[in-house]
Protein backbone atom coordinates (compact mmCIF):
# COMPACT_ATOMS: atom_id res chain seq x y z
CA MET A 1 -0.19 0.14 -0.08
CA THR A 2 1.49 3.32 -1.18
CA VAL A 3 0.52 5.43 1.91
CA SER A 4 0.49 9.55 0.68
CA PRO A 5 1.59 12.61 2.85
CA ALA A 6 -2.19 13.78 3.02
CA THR A 7 -2.83 10.67 4.54
CA ASP A 8 0.30 10.64 7.19
CA THR A 9 -1.04 13.40 8.14
CA LEU A 10 -4.19 12.67 8.51
CA LEU A 11 -3.09 9.41 10.74
CA SER A 12 -0.64 11.53 12.66
CA VAL A 13 -4.24 13.87 13.33
CA LEU A 14 -6.40 10.84 14.59
CA GLY A 15 -3.31 9.76 16.95
CA ARG A 16 -1.96 6.78 14.53
CA ALA A 17 1.37 8.10 13.86
CA ARG A 18 3.92 10.63 16.15
CA PRO A 19 4.07 13.99 15.33
CA ALA A 20 7.35 14.26 13.02
CA ARG A 21 9.30 16.62 15.57
CA GLU A 22 9.23 13.13 17.96
CA ILE A 23 9.69 11.09 15.67
CA ALA A 24 13.17 13.36 14.50
CA ALA A 25 13.86 13.09 18.50
CA GLN A 26 13.91 9.21 18.46
CA GLY A 27 15.31 8.23 15.44
CA VAL A 28 13.23 6.31 12.47
CA ALA A 29 12.28 3.15 12.93
CA ALA A 30 11.20 0.60 9.74
CA ARG A 31 7.82 0.39 8.98
CA ASP A 32 6.31 -2.08 6.76
CA PHE A 33 2.81 -1.14 6.02
CA ALA A 34 1.58 -4.70 4.49
CA ARG A 35 1.49 -5.11 8.44
CA PRO A 36 -1.29 -3.49 10.03
CA MET A 37 -0.51 -2.13 13.48
CA ARG A 38 -3.99 -1.62 15.99
CA PHE A 39 -2.97 -3.06 19.29
CA GLY A 40 -0.79 -1.16 21.70
CA ARG A 41 1.69 -2.43 24.34
CA GLU A 42 -0.81 -2.62 26.84
CA ARG A 43 -3.54 -4.27 24.51
CA THR A 44 -0.47 -6.88 23.46
CA ALA A 45 0.52 -7.63 27.10
CA ALA A 46 -2.95 -8.16 27.93
CA LEU A 47 -3.55 -11.00 25.04
CA ARG A 48 -0.07 -12.45 25.93
CA LEU A 49 -0.72 -12.67 29.41
CA ALA A 50 -4.60 -14.19 28.90
CA LEU A 51 -3.04 -16.91 26.47
CA LYS A 52 -0.34 -18.31 28.86
CA ARG A 53 -2.28 -18.93 31.42
CA LEU A 54 -4.69 -20.96 29.35
CA LEU A 55 -1.59 -23.26 28.19
CA PRO A 56 -1.40 -25.21 31.17
CA ALA A 57 -5.37 -26.33 31.23
CA LEU A 58 -4.64 -26.82 27.42
CA GLU A 59 -1.51 -29.52 27.90
CA LYS A 60 -3.56 -31.50 30.36
CA ARG A 61 -6.73 -31.77 28.18
CA MET A 62 -4.28 -32.55 24.56
CA ASP A 63 -2.81 -35.57 26.78
CA GLU A 64 -6.09 -36.67 28.14
CA MET A 65 -7.09 -36.58 24.55
CA VAL A 66 -4.41 -38.61 22.77
CA GLY A 67 -2.99 -40.05 25.48
CA LEU A 68 0.71 -38.58 24.81
CA ARG A 69 2.78 -35.46 26.35
CA VAL A 70 2.06 -32.58 24.49
CA VAL A 71 3.76 -28.83 25.46
CA PHE A 72 2.53 -26.07 24.45
CA GLU A 73 4.98 -22.40 24.38
CA LEU A 74 3.69 -19.22 23.39
CA GLY A 75 5.69 -17.94 20.64
CA GLU A 76 5.06 -14.43 18.85
CA LEU A 77 1.59 -12.42 18.56
CA ALA A 78 1.64 -10.10 15.23
CA GLU A 79 -0.88 -8.83 13.57
CA VAL A 80 -1.43 -9.35 9.68
CA ASP A 81 -3.74 -8.15 6.53
CA ALA A 82 -5.44 -11.88 5.50
CA GLU A 83 -4.89 -10.86 1.91
CA THR A 84 -1.32 -11.98 1.99
CA LEU A 85 -1.73 -15.01 4.00
CA PHE A 86 -1.88 -17.67 1.51
CA ALA A 87 -0.49 -15.09 -1.46
CA ARG A 88 1.92 -18.03 -2.00
CA PRO A 89 1.09 -21.31 -3.13
CA ASN A 90 1.38 -24.11 -1.31
CA ASP A 91 1.01 -28.14 -3.16
CA THR A 92 0.13 -29.65 -0.09
CA PRO A 93 -1.91 -27.04 2.21
CA CYS A 94 -2.17 -28.10 5.75
CA VAL A 95 -4.87 -25.94 7.00
CA LEU A 96 -7.85 -26.08 9.39
CA ARG A 97 -10.15 -23.59 8.24
CA PHE A 98 -12.94 -22.50 10.67
CA ARG A 99 -15.34 -19.39 11.48
CA CYS A 100 -14.68 -17.16 14.25
CA GLN A 101 -17.13 -14.28 15.07
CA LYS A 102 -19.11 -15.53 11.53
CA ALA A 103 -15.52 -14.49 9.73
CA PRO A 104 -13.39 -16.91 7.94
CA ALA A 105 -10.37 -18.10 10.09
CA TRP A 106 -7.53 -20.14 9.49
CA LEU A 107 -5.00 -22.73 11.60
CA VAL A 108 -1.82 -23.36 9.54
CA TRP A 109 0.34 -26.18 10.38
CA ASP A 110 3.54 -28.01 8.43
CA PRO A 111 2.41 -30.48 6.62
CA ALA A 112 5.30 -33.02 7.69
CA ALA A 113 5.00 -31.60 10.82
CA ALA A 114 0.82 -32.22 11.04
CA VAL A 115 1.67 -36.25 9.33
CA SER A 116 4.07 -37.78 12.45
CA VAL A 117 2.14 -36.48 14.82
CA VAL A 118 -0.76 -37.73 13.37
CA GLN A 119 0.98 -41.05 13.54
CA ALA A 120 2.15 -41.05 16.73
CA ILE A 121 -1.40 -39.86 17.72
CA PHE A 122 -2.53 -43.47 16.09
CA GLY A 123 0.44 -45.35 18.04
CA ALA A 124 3.54 -45.35 15.19
CA THR A 125 7.64 -45.29 15.63
CA GLY A 126 10.26 -44.61 14.14
CA ALA A 127 11.85 -41.73 11.61
CA ALA A 128 9.73 -38.85 10.35
CA GLU A 129 7.83 -38.97 7.40
CA ALA A 130 8.02 -36.38 4.23
CA ALA A 131 4.83 -34.13 3.75
CA ARG A 132 2.05 -35.59 2.19
CA LYS A 133 -1.84 -35.29 2.32
CA LEU A 134 -3.19 -37.46 5.14
CA SER A 135 -5.90 -40.14 4.77
CA PRO A 136 -9.69 -39.64 5.57
CA THR A 137 -9.02 -41.45 9.18
CA GLU A 138 -6.23 -38.95 9.60
CA VAL A 139 -8.19 -36.07 8.44
CA ARG A 140 -10.89 -37.03 11.13
CA VAL A 141 -8.20 -37.24 13.85
CA ALA A 142 -5.84 -34.15 13.02
CA THR A 143 -9.44 -31.95 12.49
CA GLN A 144 -10.41 -33.01 16.69
CA PHE A 145 -7.22 -32.58 17.81
CA LEU A 146 -6.68 -28.95 16.22
CA SER A 147 -10.24 -27.96 16.73
CA GLU A 148 -9.55 -28.85 20.47
CA ILE A 149 -6.89 -26.43 20.53
CA VAL A 150 -8.11 -23.30 19.00
CA ARG A 151 -11.62 -23.68 20.69
CA ALA A 152 -9.25 -23.35 23.78
CA VAL A 153 -7.12 -20.25 22.21
CA ALA A 154 -10.31 -18.75 20.99
CA GLY A 155 -11.84 -19.03 24.38
CA ALA A 156 -8.91 -17.22 25.78
CA LEU A 157 -9.49 -14.76 23.47
CA LEU A 158 -12.84 -14.32 24.33
CA LEU A 159 -14.13 -15.39 20.89
CA ALA A 160 -16.48 -18.22 19.45
CA THR A 161 -16.02 -20.39 16.89
CA SER A 162 -17.71 -22.93 14.71
CA ASP A 163 -18.00 -24.39 11.47
CA PHE A 164 -14.17 -26.51 11.53
CA ALA A 165 -12.92 -28.36 8.08
CA PHE A 166 -9.36 -29.67 7.08
CA VAL A 167 -8.15 -28.01 3.87
CA GLN A 168 -5.24 -30.04 1.80
CA ALA A 169 -6.43 -28.38 -1.61
CA SER A 170 -5.22 -24.36 -1.80
CA PRO A 171 -8.93 -23.40 -3.62
CA GLU A 172 -10.91 -24.91 -0.61
CA LEU A 173 -8.81 -22.11 1.46
CA GLY A 174 -11.39 -19.65 1.40
CA THR A 175 -11.13 -15.86 1.74
CA TRP A 176 -11.17 -13.06 4.30
CA ARG A 177 -14.07 -11.27 2.19
CA GLU A 178 -16.38 -14.17 2.52
CA SER A 179 -18.29 -12.69 5.45
CA GLY A 180 -19.50 -9.96 3.15
CA HIS A 181 -19.72 -6.12 3.08
CA GLU A 182 -18.23 -5.42 6.42
CA ALA A 183 -15.33 -7.90 6.05
CA SER A 184 -12.31 -7.20 7.05
CA ALA A 185 -8.51 -8.08 6.45
CA HIS A 186 -7.11 -7.42 9.37
CA ARG A 187 -6.57 -10.89 11.66
CA LEU A 188 -3.99 -11.59 14.89
CA GLU A 189 -1.52 -13.99 14.52
CA VAL A 190 -1.00 -16.50 17.38
CA GLN A 191 1.58 -18.88 17.31
CA LEU A 192 1.86 -22.02 19.26
CA VAL A 193 5.13 -23.95 19.39
CA MET A 194 4.25 -27.21 20.10
CA THR A 195 6.37 -30.07 21.04
CA CYS A 196 4.56 -33.74 20.68
CA GLY A 197 7.23 -36.87 21.78
CA SER A 198 9.75 -35.73 19.59
CA GLU A 199 8.32 -33.74 17.06
CA ALA A 200 8.33 -29.70 17.76
CA SER A 201 6.47 -27.67 14.99
CA VAL A 202 4.41 -23.86 14.69
CA LEU A 203 0.82 -23.92 14.65
CA HIS A 204 -0.01 -20.22 13.64
CA LEU A 205 -3.57 -19.09 14.17
CA TYR A 206 -5.28 -16.47 12.20
CA PHE A 207 -8.51 -14.57 14.29
CA PRO A 208 -10.85 -11.80 13.07
CA GLY A 209 -12.87 -9.73 15.87
CA VAL A 210 -9.85 -9.00 18.74
CA GLU A 211 -10.42 -5.17 18.97
CA PRO A 212 -7.95 -2.83 20.31
CA ASP A 213 -8.27 -1.51 23.62
CA VAL A 214 -10.74 1.37 23.59
CA ALA A 215 -9.32 3.41 26.36
CA GLU A 216 -5.72 2.91 25.52
CA THR A 217 -7.00 4.39 21.83
CA LEU A 218 -8.46 6.97 22.88
CA ALA A 219 -5.74 8.01 25.46
CA ALA A 220 -3.55 7.77 21.88
CA LEU A 221 -5.80 10.64 20.58
CA PRO A 222 -4.45 13.99 20.72
CA GLY A 223 -6.52 16.19 23.07
CA ALA A 224 -6.98 19.30 20.54
CA LEU A 225 -6.79 19.47 16.46
CA PRO A 226 -3.65 21.54 15.96
CA ALA A 227 -4.47 25.64 15.08
CA HIS A 228 -3.00 25.06 11.65
CA LEU A 229 -4.67 21.91 10.77
CA GLU A 230 -8.40 23.40 11.34
CA ARG A 231 -9.29 24.52 8.23
CA VAL A 232 -7.64 21.69 5.93
CA GLU A 233 -10.30 20.21 4.02
CA VAL A 234 -10.47 16.49 3.03
CA GLU A 235 -12.68 14.83 0.51
CA LEU A 236 -15.39 12.58 2.66
CA SER A 237 -16.71 9.99 0.10
CA ALA A 238 -19.71 7.48 1.12
CA CYS A 239 -18.83 4.18 -0.80
CA LEU A 240 -21.87 2.18 -2.44
CA GLU A 241 -22.43 -0.97 -3.88
CA GLY A 242 -21.68 -1.28 -7.48
CA CYS A 243 -23.05 -3.21 -10.42
CA GLU A 244 -21.85 -5.62 -12.96
CA ILE A 245 -22.29 -4.87 -16.54
CA SER A 246 -20.77 -6.60 -19.93
CA LEU A 247 -17.88 -4.98 -21.48
CA ASP A 248 -20.59 -4.30 -24.74
CA GLN A 249 -22.63 -2.57 -22.62
CA LEU A 250 -19.61 -0.38 -20.94
CA LEU A 251 -18.29 0.84 -24.21
CA ALA A 252 -22.23 1.60 -25.68
CA LEU A 253 -22.58 4.07 -22.30
CA GLU A 254 -23.72 7.28 -23.48
CA GLU A 255 -24.75 10.40 -22.05
CA GLY A 256 -27.82 10.51 -19.97
CA ASP A 257 -27.44 7.16 -19.85
CA VAL A 258 -29.13 5.65 -16.17
CA ILE A 259 -27.24 2.31 -14.76
CA PRO A 260 -28.75 1.39 -11.59
CA LEU A 261 -27.09 0.28 -8.45
CA ALA A 262 -27.14 -2.52 -6.09
CA ALA A 263 -27.34 0.17 -3.11
CA ARG A 264 -30.60 -0.03 -1.46
CA LEU A 265 -31.93 2.59 1.54
CA GLY A 266 -30.76 0.57 4.66
CA ASP A 267 -27.27 -0.95 3.31
CA PRO A 268 -24.29 -0.61 4.65
CA THR A 269 -21.41 1.54 3.68
CA ARG A 270 -18.35 2.76 4.50
CA LEU A 271 -17.06 6.40 4.50
CA CYS A 272 -13.26 7.05 3.25
CA VAL A 273 -11.04 10.04 3.58
CA GLU A 274 -7.76 10.14 2.07
CA GLY A 275 -7.61 6.30 1.31
CA LEU A 276 -8.96 5.77 5.07
CA THR A 277 -11.78 3.61 5.93
CA LEU A 278 -13.29 6.54 8.66
CA ALA A 279 -16.53 4.87 9.73
CA GLN A 280 -18.83 1.91 9.32
CA ALA A 281 -22.11 3.49 7.76
CA ARG A 282 -25.80 3.22 6.92
CA LEU A 283 -27.66 4.01 3.64
CA GLY A 284 -30.93 6.43 4.35
CA SER A 285 -32.53 9.63 4.06
CA HIS A 286 -32.49 12.92 5.46
CA ARG A 287 -35.13 15.87 4.24
CA GLY A 288 -35.19 14.55 1.06
CA ARG A 289 -31.33 14.09 0.28
CA LEU A 290 -29.79 10.65 0.36
CA ALA A 291 -27.56 10.22 3.70
CA VAL A 292 -25.66 7.74 5.47
CA ARG A 293 -25.86 7.78 9.40
CA VAL A 294 -22.67 6.72 11.36
CA GLU A 295 -22.91 3.52 13.34
CA ARG A 296 -19.00 2.61 13.94
CA VAL A 297 -16.21 5.10 13.63
CA SER A 298 -12.96 3.19 13.28
CA VAL A 299 -10.16 4.47 11.34
CA GLN A 300 -7.88 1.75 8.98
CA PRO A 301 -6.27 2.23 5.82
CA GLU A 302 -7.60 0.13 2.95
CA SER A 303 -6.73 -3.40 2.80
CA THR A 304 -4.69 -3.96 -0.64
CA ALA A 305 -6.14 -6.16 -3.11
């Protein structure tokens, strides 16, 4: 994503970036704009604490479930853009797809590690196996095993999960856009380092619906708008539902033609300013004119397509 100077200024005004004087005094840190940054230190620390407290009970549950000693260690917590998750094709994906807060979510596992752990659950011993697709019976065991882990981690994050499906083909992975108009590409990545017998691997869990701490966000906002920015004008746009037409219809358009849109009164829409989604709104009317009602303010950059 390319960030314009105007967007940088707007982010600064809204408390999403530090003033230039402060940056110059402390030095400039490299920033990968493909990785979202919504959570502050306090929110991240609270999430880590909740997840660490979960691990002993999860280890006990897995021991009872599969009859093996399973040890978990919390790895990195990160914010990611779901648009980039499966950008690199994998001939043998090993993914548990599920719904979280009614949005698509995933657990990604190394295929070779999956084969070894599932075989260990069945009681097999010996050298580690190469990556391959799991058999239907192995898929059922892996789904049950991983679903238990996902439910436990989601519970620590106060999230609800459902519709678990084990995926071994890239076209079946799905996309974050499946949750409709209010879909968000933002995901919290939870890395769990899992040791099962002699096999150590990392589970990458991607959860939607984890929000930043409201009090922390409000505290980061400036107390007042700088005087030199008070009269700066920005363009506010409401993004309405479009329509599909064929190429020959597009080329045949003439002045005066009417193109009906799919948007109707009451439909959700987004308010955008300088490439930022400023708020979620709903289409309506006011005093005979088309209008939108703001329902939720949440400043974030547009997701890369």
